[in-house]
Amino acid sequence: MIFTFTFKGSEKVTGEGRFMLSHEEKVNRIVQQLKERKSTAPLSLKKKTVSHNVPKAGGKDHSGEKLDISDLNEIIHIDTEKRICIAEPGATFTKIVDATMKHGLAPTVVPELKTITVGGAVAGCSVESMSYKFGGFHDSCLEYEVVTAKGDVLICTPDNENQLLFQMLHGTFGTLGIITSLKFRLIPAKPFVKMTYEKYKDMEEYKNAICHHYTKKDIDFMDGIIHSPSEYVLSTGNFVDEAPYTNSYDWVKVYFRSTAKRKEDYLKTPDYFFRYNKGVTNVHPKSLIARILFGWFINSNVTLNVVDIFKRIIPSDVIPITVDTFIPFSRMDEFMDWYENEVSHFPLWCVPYKIVHKYEWVADEFLENVKDELFLDIAIYGLHRENPEHCYRIIEEKLMELGAIKTLISTNLYSEKEFWSIWNKKNYDFVKNQTDPDNIFMNLYEKMCRASKRSVG
């Protein structure tokens, strides 16, 4: 069965009786603005939700003229028989989960923060505790509608004439075009999740446990918290129909801390998906009293909004170091030995991630050295150093040495040569020339690395 939305003429009727433009009208408005635009100055997108990139002090990656796409935030339809959802890019995962759970369905990968959008999950890189089976959210996508800088509308699938653009959109942060709708897979979901917290004393035991579950595929969810070099928690979960009790971590309780104290837990499925919404290992406010007083309304979205407003005057060492590293499973011992000696910030979030296929956005020479199918996303959040740029840089250098990679959501100090030895310049330039020949959306290196260098220089 397909669940669509009611239209009156070409306008969508909302619950409040107001009228909204149809999806086609929204896209036509964007197309017309781009086709009529004479300037070739950089153009960034005005959205309804805050960017989940880590704000860079003094950064200029979102400066310049704005194109308003803030109304592209609706679910277009849900096909319960084919288990497919079509949504506009600004639809948040909390909206998607609310709608799909009514039909016993959910996205294959639900990022940890409620206000991450489906478009942002593709343009950036979103992983979570089902990534050990399904990869990233982008790996569940079947089709994108994309508007180019010249105002052309392209339908992109993994096997049509725009297949390279389909693959390259992942992780290119809006620099190749504007995603205006996405079609993605859903999976069956039950009302509750039962969690089991497996405790291990060292990395070897931890890796063995991860490998066991990865091989057996005997659980629905797997992530973990490395609380210290001698305290490893693997959080495994399964959908269940009933629960003897439920916990929520949306106010006073802190989820990552509970993993060290509890043996098991039950959560409503939406509460499980967004258990880190107050922060992963960098929860604010930190004290119990402050969480009682202010924790109900302070979340990651509020924090990002505040920092984004004042980022031009905030010193770089005030913004916590935030890095999502993807380490080949076979190189984890080397990374952790180095990390404990050189950085030694805990806790860390650990998300096993399956490489679904050899991604086209990764450089050919880099791919030649990728032997592991399983990577571990080791997320470093809430780290403060007097010289944060030094810390970012030594992490980058170690990752390159190990054949590892990171997301580009925060400060990036790669040289241009280093950057394009990891990201695929040939494929990127080929698609960029088709979709944005005047570079109004900025080049990926320019947007994600030069902006960092300007902010720290």
Protein backbone atom coordinates (compact mmCIF):
# COMPACT_ATOMS: atom_id res chain seq x y z
CA MET A 1 0.00 0.00 0.00
CA ILE A 2 1.23 3.50 -0.83
CA PHE A 3 0.58 6.31 1.64
CA THR A 4 0.62 9.69 -0.06
CA PHE A 5 -0.50 13.14 0.99
CA THR A 6 -3.65 15.01 0.07
CA PHE A 7 -3.35 17.71 -2.60
CA LYS A 8 -5.84 20.40 -3.53
CA GLY A 9 -4.97 21.41 -7.07
CA SER A 10 -1.22 21.89 -6.93
CA GLU A 11 -1.12 22.80 -3.26
CA LYS A 12 -0.68 20.53 -0.27
CA VAL A 13 -3.21 21.01 2.51
CA THR A 14 -1.63 21.02 5.97
CA GLY A 15 -3.27 20.09 9.25
CA GLU A 16 -3.60 23.78 10.14
CA GLY A 17 -5.57 24.54 6.99
CA ARG A 18 -2.71 26.47 5.37
CA PHE A 19 -1.46 25.78 1.87
CA MET A 20 1.98 24.79 0.78
CA LEU A 21 3.60 24.46 -2.59
CA SER A 22 3.66 21.00 -4.10
CA HIS A 23 7.04 19.32 -4.49
CA GLU A 24 7.03 20.05 -8.23
CA GLU A 25 6.35 23.73 -7.58
CA LYS A 26 9.17 23.93 -5.04
CA VAL A 27 11.62 22.38 -7.49
CA ASN A 28 10.42 24.66 -10.31
CA ARG A 29 11.02 27.70 -8.10
CA ILE A 30 14.61 26.59 -7.44
CA VAL A 31 15.16 25.83 -11.13
CA GLN A 32 13.86 29.25 -12.16
CA GLN A 33 16.05 31.08 -9.63
CA LEU A 34 19.15 29.24 -10.80
CA LYS A 35 18.40 29.75 -14.49
CA GLU A 36 17.78 33.48 -13.98
CA ARG A 37 20.85 33.98 -11.80
CA LYS A 38 23.55 36.01 -13.56
CA SER A 39 26.20 35.93 -10.85
CA THR A 40 28.84 33.21 -10.62
CA ALA A 41 29.67 34.12 -7.00
CA PRO A 42 29.58 31.28 -4.45
CA LEU A 43 26.10 30.17 -3.48
CA SER A 44 25.12 28.33 -0.31
CA LEU A 45 21.80 26.85 0.74
CA LYS A 46 19.43 28.24 3.34
CA LYS A 47 17.82 25.35 5.19
CA LYS A 48 15.30 24.98 7.98
CA THR A 49 17.58 22.99 10.28
CA VAL A 50 21.05 23.88 11.50
CA SER A 51 24.05 22.35 9.78
CA HIS A 52 25.48 19.36 11.64
CA ASN A 53 28.96 20.17 10.47
CA VAL A 54 31.06 21.23 13.43
CA PRO A 55 31.21 25.07 13.35
CA LYS A 56 34.65 26.37 12.47
CA ALA A 57 35.69 29.51 14.33
CA GLY A 58 35.81 32.24 11.70
CA GLY A 59 35.00 29.73 8.96
CA LYS A 60 33.57 30.95 5.66
CA ASP A 61 32.31 27.67 4.23
CA HIS A 62 28.68 28.88 4.35
CA SER A 63 29.27 32.50 3.35
CA GLY A 64 28.07 34.16 0.15
CA GLU A 65 24.64 34.37 -1.44
CA LYS A 66 21.87 32.11 -0.17
CA LEU A 67 19.34 30.01 -2.06
CA ASP A 68 16.34 29.20 0.10
CA ILE A 69 15.41 25.49 0.06
CA SER A 70 13.96 25.50 3.58
CA ASP A 71 10.52 24.34 2.41
CA LEU A 72 11.93 21.09 0.99
CA ASN A 73 11.21 19.24 4.23
CA GLU A 74 8.25 16.95 3.59
CA ILE A 75 7.67 13.22 3.20
CA ILE A 76 6.24 12.63 -0.28
CA HIS A 77 5.03 9.05 0.16
CA ILE A 78 5.62 5.74 1.91
CA ASP A 79 5.12 2.47 0.06
CA THR A 80 4.56 -0.14 2.78
CA GLU A 81 4.52 -3.11 0.38
CA LYS A 82 7.81 -2.29 -1.35
CA ARG A 83 9.21 -0.79 1.89
CA ILE A 84 10.27 2.43 0.25
CA CYS A 85 10.06 6.05 1.37
CA ILE A 86 10.36 9.14 -0.83
CA ALA A 87 11.11 12.36 0.99
CA GLU A 88 12.46 15.83 0.42
CA PRO A 89 16.02 16.45 1.66
CA GLY A 90 15.06 18.62 4.62
CA ALA A 91 12.84 15.94 6.20
CA THR A 92 14.38 15.14 9.56
CA PHE A 93 14.90 11.61 10.74
CA THR A 94 12.54 12.17 13.64
CA LYS A 95 9.81 13.02 11.12
CA ILE A 96 10.71 9.97 9.01
CA VAL A 97 10.74 7.65 12.04
CA ASP A 98 7.41 9.00 13.33
CA ALA A 99 5.78 8.36 9.95
CA THR A 100 7.31 4.98 9.13
CA MET A 101 6.91 3.45 12.61
CA LYS A 102 3.14 3.80 12.24
CA HIS A 103 3.47 1.09 9.60
CA GLY A 104 6.01 -1.04 11.46
CA LEU A 105 8.90 0.24 9.32
CA ALA A 106 12.07 2.28 9.77
CA PRO A 107 15.06 3.44 7.69
CA THR A 108 17.94 0.96 7.55
CA VAL A 109 20.22 3.50 9.23
CA VAL A 110 18.91 6.22 11.55
CA PRO A 111 21.56 8.79 12.55
CA GLU A 112 21.80 9.61 16.25
CA LEU A 113 20.45 13.20 16.24
CA LYS A 114 16.78 14.03 15.69
CA THR A 115 17.39 17.01 13.43
CA ILE A 116 19.78 15.35 10.99
CA THR A 117 17.99 15.40 7.64
CA VAL A 118 17.88 12.70 4.98
CA GLY A 119 19.61 15.04 2.53
CA GLY A 120 22.28 15.87 5.07
CA ALA A 121 22.83 12.18 5.76
CA VAL A 122 23.79 11.70 2.11
CA ALA A 123 25.67 14.96 1.57
CA GLY A 124 27.67 14.27 4.73
CA CYS A 125 28.17 10.78 6.07
CA SER A 126 25.71 9.19 8.49
CA VAL A 127 26.28 5.88 10.21
CA GLU A 128 24.71 4.17 13.19
CA SER A 129 24.27 0.85 14.91
CA MET A 130 22.80 -0.97 11.90
CA SER A 131 25.79 0.10 9.78
CA TYR A 132 27.58 -3.17 10.55
CA LYS A 133 25.02 -4.79 8.21
CA PHE A 134 23.84 -2.01 5.91
CA GLY A 135 26.70 0.48 5.64
CA GLY A 136 25.69 4.14 5.71
CA PHE A 137 22.30 5.71 5.11
CA HIS A 138 23.41 6.52 1.55
CA ASP A 139 23.79 2.78 0.90
CA SER A 140 20.02 2.40 1.36
CA CYS A 141 19.17 5.05 -1.23
CA LEU A 142 17.69 4.04 -4.58
CA GLU A 143 17.21 7.35 -6.36
CA TYR A 144 17.96 11.06 -6.06
CA GLU A 145 16.36 13.99 -7.81
CA VAL A 146 19.09 16.61 -8.27
CA VAL A 147 19.04 20.20 -9.52
CA THR A 148 22.30 21.31 -11.09
CA ALA A 149 23.83 24.77 -10.83
CA LYS A 150 22.44 25.56 -14.30
CA GLY A 151 18.90 24.60 -13.23
CA ASP A 152 18.70 21.21 -14.90
CA VAL A 153 16.74 18.48 -13.09
CA LEU A 154 18.42 15.06 -13.13
CA ILE A 155 17.09 11.72 -11.90
CA CYS A 156 20.01 9.70 -10.55
CA THR A 157 20.00 5.97 -9.85
CA PRO A 158 22.81 3.41 -9.46
CA ASP A 159 22.23 2.12 -12.99
CA ASN A 160 21.03 4.99 -15.21
CA GLU A 161 22.98 7.55 -17.23
CA ASN A 162 23.58 9.58 -14.05
CA GLN A 163 24.94 6.68 -12.04
CA LEU A 164 28.31 8.31 -11.32
CA LEU A 165 26.60 11.44 -9.98
CA PHE A 166 24.40 9.17 -7.83
CA GLN A 167 27.48 7.63 -6.24
CA MET A 168 29.49 10.85 -5.98
CA LEU A 169 26.81 12.81 -4.12
CA HIS A 170 27.70 10.96 -0.94
CA GLY A 171 30.08 12.93 1.24
CA THR A 172 30.46 15.88 -1.13
CA PHE A 173 28.53 18.33 1.08
CA GLY A 174 26.31 19.89 -1.55
CA THR A 175 29.16 20.85 -3.88
CA LEU A 176 27.82 18.88 -6.86
CA GLY A 177 24.20 20.02 -6.89
CA ILE A 178 21.01 20.27 -4.85
CA ILE A 179 19.30 17.03 -3.86
CA THR A 180 15.58 17.80 -4.01
CA SER A 181 14.18 14.34 -3.24
CA LEU A 182 15.43 10.93 -2.16
CA LYS A 183 14.01 7.42 -2.47
CA PHE A 184 15.33 4.97 0.12
CA ARG A 185 14.68 1.52 1.55
CA LEU A 186 12.89 0.73 4.79
CA ILE A 187 13.05 -2.37 6.97
CA PRO A 188 10.54 -3.99 9.35
CA ALA A 189 10.71 -2.54 12.86
CA LYS A 190 9.11 -3.52 16.15
CA PRO A 191 7.92 -1.18 18.93
CA PHE A 192 10.79 -1.79 21.35
CA VAL A 193 14.51 -2.51 21.44
CA LYS A 194 16.14 -4.75 24.02
CA MET A 195 19.75 -3.80 24.74
CA THR A 196 22.50 -6.00 26.15
CA TYR A 197 25.77 -4.45 27.31
CA GLU A 198 28.74 -6.77 26.85
CA LYS A 199 31.79 -5.75 28.92
CA TYR A 200 35.40 -6.40 27.85
CA LYS A 201 38.79 -5.51 29.32
CA ASP A 202 40.94 -5.00 26.23
CA MET A 203 40.82 -4.37 22.50
CA GLU A 204 41.50 -7.99 21.57
CA GLU A 205 38.42 -9.25 23.43
CA TYR A 206 36.39 -6.37 22.02
CA LYS A 207 37.41 -7.10 18.46
CA ASN A 208 36.61 -10.80 18.88
CA ALA A 209 33.10 -9.94 20.08
CA ILE A 210 32.54 -7.50 17.20
CA CYS A 211 33.81 -10.06 14.70
CA HIS A 212 31.51 -12.73 16.14
CA HIS A 213 28.38 -10.62 15.74
CA TYR A 214 29.50 -9.28 12.36
CA THR A 215 29.96 -12.81 11.06
CA LYS A 216 26.83 -14.31 12.60
CA LYS A 217 24.54 -11.29 11.92
CA ASP A 218 22.71 -12.47 15.05
CA ILE A 219 21.61 -9.05 16.32
CA ASP A 220 19.81 -6.03 14.87
CA PHE A 221 22.06 -3.33 16.34
CA MET A 222 25.71 -3.04 17.33
CA ASP A 223 27.74 -0.10 18.57
CA GLY A 224 29.71 0.58 21.71
CA ILE A 225 31.46 2.93 24.09
CA ILE A 226 35.16 2.65 24.91
CA HIS A 227 35.05 4.21 28.37
CA SER A 228 38.78 3.81 28.99
CA PRO A 229 41.71 1.67 27.77
CA SER A 230 40.52 -1.08 30.11
CA GLU A 231 36.73 -0.68 29.84
CA TYR A 232 35.11 -1.64 26.55
CA VAL A 233 31.33 -1.89 26.24
CA LEU A 234 29.68 -3.44 23.21
CA SER A 235 26.01 -2.43 23.01
CA THR A 236 24.00 -5.05 21.16
CA GLY A 237 20.29 -4.77 20.52
CA ASN A 238 17.30 -6.48 19.00
CA PHE A 239 13.81 -5.40 18.02
CA VAL A 240 11.20 -6.90 20.37
CA ASP A 241 7.40 -6.77 20.51
CA GLU A 242 7.08 -6.22 24.25
CA ALA A 243 9.12 -4.68 27.07
CA PRO A 244 8.84 -5.15 30.86
CA TYR A 245 9.87 -1.49 31.28
CA THR A 246 11.36 1.28 29.16
CA ASN A 247 13.98 3.95 29.70
CA SER A 248 14.32 7.26 27.90
CA TYR A 249 17.50 9.32 27.66
CA ASP A 250 15.99 12.61 26.56
CA TRP A 251 16.29 14.58 29.78
CA VAL A 252 18.11 13.68 33.00
CA LYS A 253 19.59 10.28 32.18
CA VAL A 254 22.73 10.04 30.02
CA TYR A 255 22.82 7.10 27.66
CA PHE A 256 26.55 6.54 27.22
CA ARG A 257 27.07 6.47 31.00
CA SER A 258 24.29 3.90 31.40
CA THR A 259 26.20 1.45 29.19
CA ALA A 260 28.89 1.13 31.85
CA LYS A 261 26.41 0.58 34.68
CA ARG A 262 23.67 -1.59 33.22
CA LYS A 263 23.64 -5.16 31.94
CA GLU A 264 20.55 -4.67 29.81
CA ASP A 265 17.92 -2.08 28.99
CA TYR A 266 14.65 -1.62 27.11
CA LEU A 267 13.77 1.42 25.05
CA LYS A 268 10.90 2.36 22.77
CA THR A 269 12.27 2.12 19.25
CA PRO A 270 12.22 5.88 18.50
CA ASP A 271 13.90 6.52 21.87
CA TYR A 272 16.56 3.98 20.94
CA PHE A 273 17.23 5.62 17.59
CA PHE A 274 17.73 9.02 19.24
CA ARG A 275 19.31 7.91 22.52
CA TYR A 276 22.32 10.13 21.78
CA ASN A 277 20.28 13.21 20.85
CA LYS A 278 21.55 15.09 23.92
CA GLY A 279 25.11 14.32 22.81
CA VAL A 280 27.07 11.13 22.31
CA THR A 281 29.97 11.35 24.77
CA ASN A 282 29.82 15.15 25.05
CA VAL A 283 26.45 15.58 26.76
CA HIS A 284 25.39 19.05 27.90
CA PRO A 285 24.54 20.14 30.49
CA LYS A 286 26.93 17.93 32.40
CA SER A 287 25.74 18.20 36.01
CA LEU A 288 22.64 16.43 37.27
CA ILE A 289 21.11 19.65 38.65
CA ALA A 290 21.64 21.50 35.37
CA ARG A 291 20.09 18.61 33.43
CA ILE A 292 17.07 18.64 35.75
CA LEU A 293 16.64 22.38 35.21
CA PHE A 294 17.63 22.76 31.58
CA GLY A 295 18.16 19.29 30.11
CA TRP A 296 14.65 19.02 28.68
CA PHE A 297 15.24 21.70 26.04
CA ILE A 298 19.03 21.71 25.62
CA ASN A 299 20.06 19.25 22.93
CA SER A 300 22.56 18.95 20.10
CA ASN A 301 20.45 21.14 17.83
CA VAL A 302 20.26 23.97 20.36
CA THR A 303 24.01 23.76 21.03
CA LEU A 304 24.87 23.83 17.31
CA ASN A 305 22.55 26.79 16.76
CA VAL A 306 24.18 28.83 19.51
CA VAL A 307 27.72 28.04 18.37
CA ASP A 308 26.81 28.73 14.75
CA ILE A 309 25.53 32.20 15.66
CA PHE A 310 28.70 33.15 17.53
CA LYS A 311 31.28 31.09 15.62
CA ARG A 312 33.01 34.13 14.11
CA ILE A 313 34.04 35.38 17.53
CA ILE A 314 34.59 32.08 19.35
CA PRO A 315 38.28 31.12 19.78
CA SER A 316 39.12 27.87 18.02
CA ASP A 317 40.24 26.16 21.23
CA VAL A 318 36.76 26.65 22.75
CA ILE A 319 35.05 24.53 20.10
CA PRO A 320 35.68 20.88 21.06
CA ILE A 321 37.68 18.69 18.72
CA THR A 322 35.27 16.44 16.85
CA VAL A 323 36.48 13.68 14.55
CA ASP A 324 34.80 10.60 13.09
CA THR A 325 37.58 8.25 12.07
CA PHE A 326 37.04 5.09 9.99
CA ILE A 327 39.74 2.59 10.90
CA PRO A 328 40.28 -0.71 9.03
CA PHE A 329 39.36 -3.47 11.45
CA SER A 330 42.78 -5.10 11.03
CA ARG A 331 44.58 -1.86 12.01
CA MET A 332 42.61 -1.07 15.17
CA ASP A 333 45.31 -2.26 17.59
CA GLU A 334 47.87 0.04 15.98
CA PHE A 335 45.50 2.98 16.08
CA MET A 336 44.52 2.47 19.71
CA ASP A 337 48.13 2.04 20.87
CA TRP A 338 49.04 5.30 19.13
CA TYR A 339 45.89 7.07 20.30
CA GLU A 340 46.39 6.17 23.96
CA ASN A 341 49.94 7.54 23.88
CA GLU A 342 49.37 10.65 21.77
CA VAL A 343 45.80 11.79 22.50
CA SER A 344 44.29 9.67 25.28
CA HIS A 345 40.82 11.20 25.36
CA PHE A 346 38.00 8.94 26.51
CA PRO A 347 35.23 7.87 26.20
CA LEU A 348 35.03 7.07 22.50
CA TRP A 349 32.03 6.02 20.46
CA CYS A 350 32.60 2.90 18.35
CA VAL A 351 30.36 2.06 15.37
CA PRO A 352 31.21 -0.97 13.21
CA TYR A 353 30.70 -0.07 9.54
CA LYS A 354 30.46 -2.43 6.57
CA ILE A 355 31.96 -1.24 3.29
CA VAL A 356 29.07 -2.17 1.01
CA HIS A 357 31.04 -1.61 -2.19
CA LYS A 358 34.17 0.15 -3.37
CA TYR A 359 32.94 3.72 -3.24
CA GLU A 360 33.43 5.85 -6.35
CA TRP A 361 34.27 8.94 -4.29
CA VAL A 362 37.40 7.23 -2.90
CA ALA A 363 40.62 7.56 -4.92
CA ASP A 364 41.65 4.49 -6.92
CA GLU A 365 45.10 4.34 -5.32
CA PHE A 366 43.53 4.49 -1.86
CA LEU A 367 41.08 1.72 -2.73
CA GLU A 368 43.92 -0.53 -3.88
CA ASN A 369 45.11 -0.69 -0.27
CA VAL A 370 41.68 -1.27 1.26
CA LYS A 371 41.59 -4.94 2.21
CA ASP A 372 39.08 -4.84 5.07
CA GLU A 373 35.35 -5.08 4.52
CA LEU A 374 34.68 -3.98 8.10
CA PHE A 375 35.82 -0.62 9.47
CA LEU A 376 35.29 0.84 12.94
CA ASP A 377 34.06 4.39 13.19
CA ILE A 378 35.89 5.66 16.26
CA ALA A 379 34.25 8.96 17.11
CA ILE A 380 36.23 11.46 19.17
CA TYR A 381 33.84 14.01 20.68
CA GLY A 382 34.30 16.68 23.34
CA LEU A 383 38.11 16.79 23.26
CA HIS A 384 39.74 20.09 24.26
CA ARG A 385 43.39 20.98 23.64
CA GLU A 386 45.27 24.28 23.83
CA ASN A 387 46.40 23.72 20.24
CA PRO A 388 43.45 21.94 18.55
CA GLU A 389 44.97 22.29 15.07
CA HIS A 390 47.96 20.19 16.16
CA CYS A 391 45.63 17.48 17.42
CA TYR A 392 43.58 17.49 14.21
CA ARG A 393 46.75 17.28 12.18
CA ILE A 394 48.40 14.38 13.99
CA ILE A 395 45.16 12.43 13.72
CA GLU A 396 45.04 13.08 9.97
CA GLU A 397 48.64 11.94 9.59
CA LYS A 398 48.03 8.73 11.54
CA LEU A 399 44.92 7.94 9.54
CA MET A 400 46.81 8.31 6.27
CA GLU A 401 49.52 6.01 7.60
CA LEU A 402 46.96 3.32 8.49
CA GLY A 403 44.92 3.52 5.30
CA ALA A 404 42.09 4.98 7.35
CA ILE A 405 39.78 7.89 6.56
CA LYS A 406 37.64 10.45 8.35
CA THR A 407 34.50 12.44 7.68
CA LEU A 408 34.94 16.10 6.77
CA ILE A 409 32.44 17.54 9.25
CA SER A 410 35.01 19.46 11.28
CA THR A 411 38.46 21.03 10.88
CA ASN A 412 40.46 19.53 7.99
CA LEU A 413 44.10 20.44 7.43
CA TYR A 414 45.02 18.18 4.51
CA SER A 415 47.21 19.64 1.80
CA GLU A 416 45.49 19.57 -1.58
CA LYS A 417 47.77 16.74 -2.71
CA GLU A 418 47.00 14.69 0.41
CA PHE A 419 43.29 15.32 0.07
CA TRP A 420 43.04 14.14 -3.53
CA SER A 421 45.12 11.06 -2.74
CA ILE A 422 42.13 9.93 -0.63
CA TRP A 423 39.12 11.48 -2.40
CA ASN A 424 38.68 10.68 -6.09
CA LYS A 425 39.57 13.84 -8.03
CA LYS A 426 39.03 12.28 -11.45
CA ASN A 427 35.45 11.25 -10.69
CA TYR A 428 34.74 14.42 -8.76
CA ASP A 429 35.99 16.74 -11.50
CA PHE A 430 34.13 14.79 -14.19
CA VAL A 431 30.79 15.14 -12.39
CA LYS A 432 31.51 18.70 -11.24
CA ASN A 433 32.06 19.79 -14.83
CA GLN A 434 28.60 18.47 -15.70
CA THR A 435 26.65 19.79 -12.73
CA ASP A 436 28.48 22.93 -11.61
CA PRO A 437 30.99 24.11 -14.23
CA ASP A 438 31.14 27.66 -12.79
CA ASN A 439 31.83 26.32 -9.26
CA ILE A 440 29.03 28.28 -7.59
CA PHE A 441 28.62 25.51 -4.98
CA MET A 442 32.39 25.57 -4.27
CA ASN A 443 34.90 22.81 -4.79
CA LEU A 444 34.94 20.08 -2.12
CA TYR A 445 38.52 20.78 -1.07
CA GLU A 446 37.87 24.53 -1.06
CA LYS A 447 34.72 24.20 1.04
CA MET A 448 35.80 21.57 3.55
CA CYS A 449 39.58 22.17 3.85
CA ARG A 450 40.44 25.70 2.75
CA ALA A 451 37.64 27.04 4.94
CA SER A 452 39.29 25.27 7.89
CA LYS A 453 42.69 26.68 7.00
CA ARG A 454 41.32 30.20 6.74
CA SER A 455 39.68 29.85 10.16
CA VAL A 456 42.86 28.69 11.88
CA GLY A 457 45.28 30.76 9.87
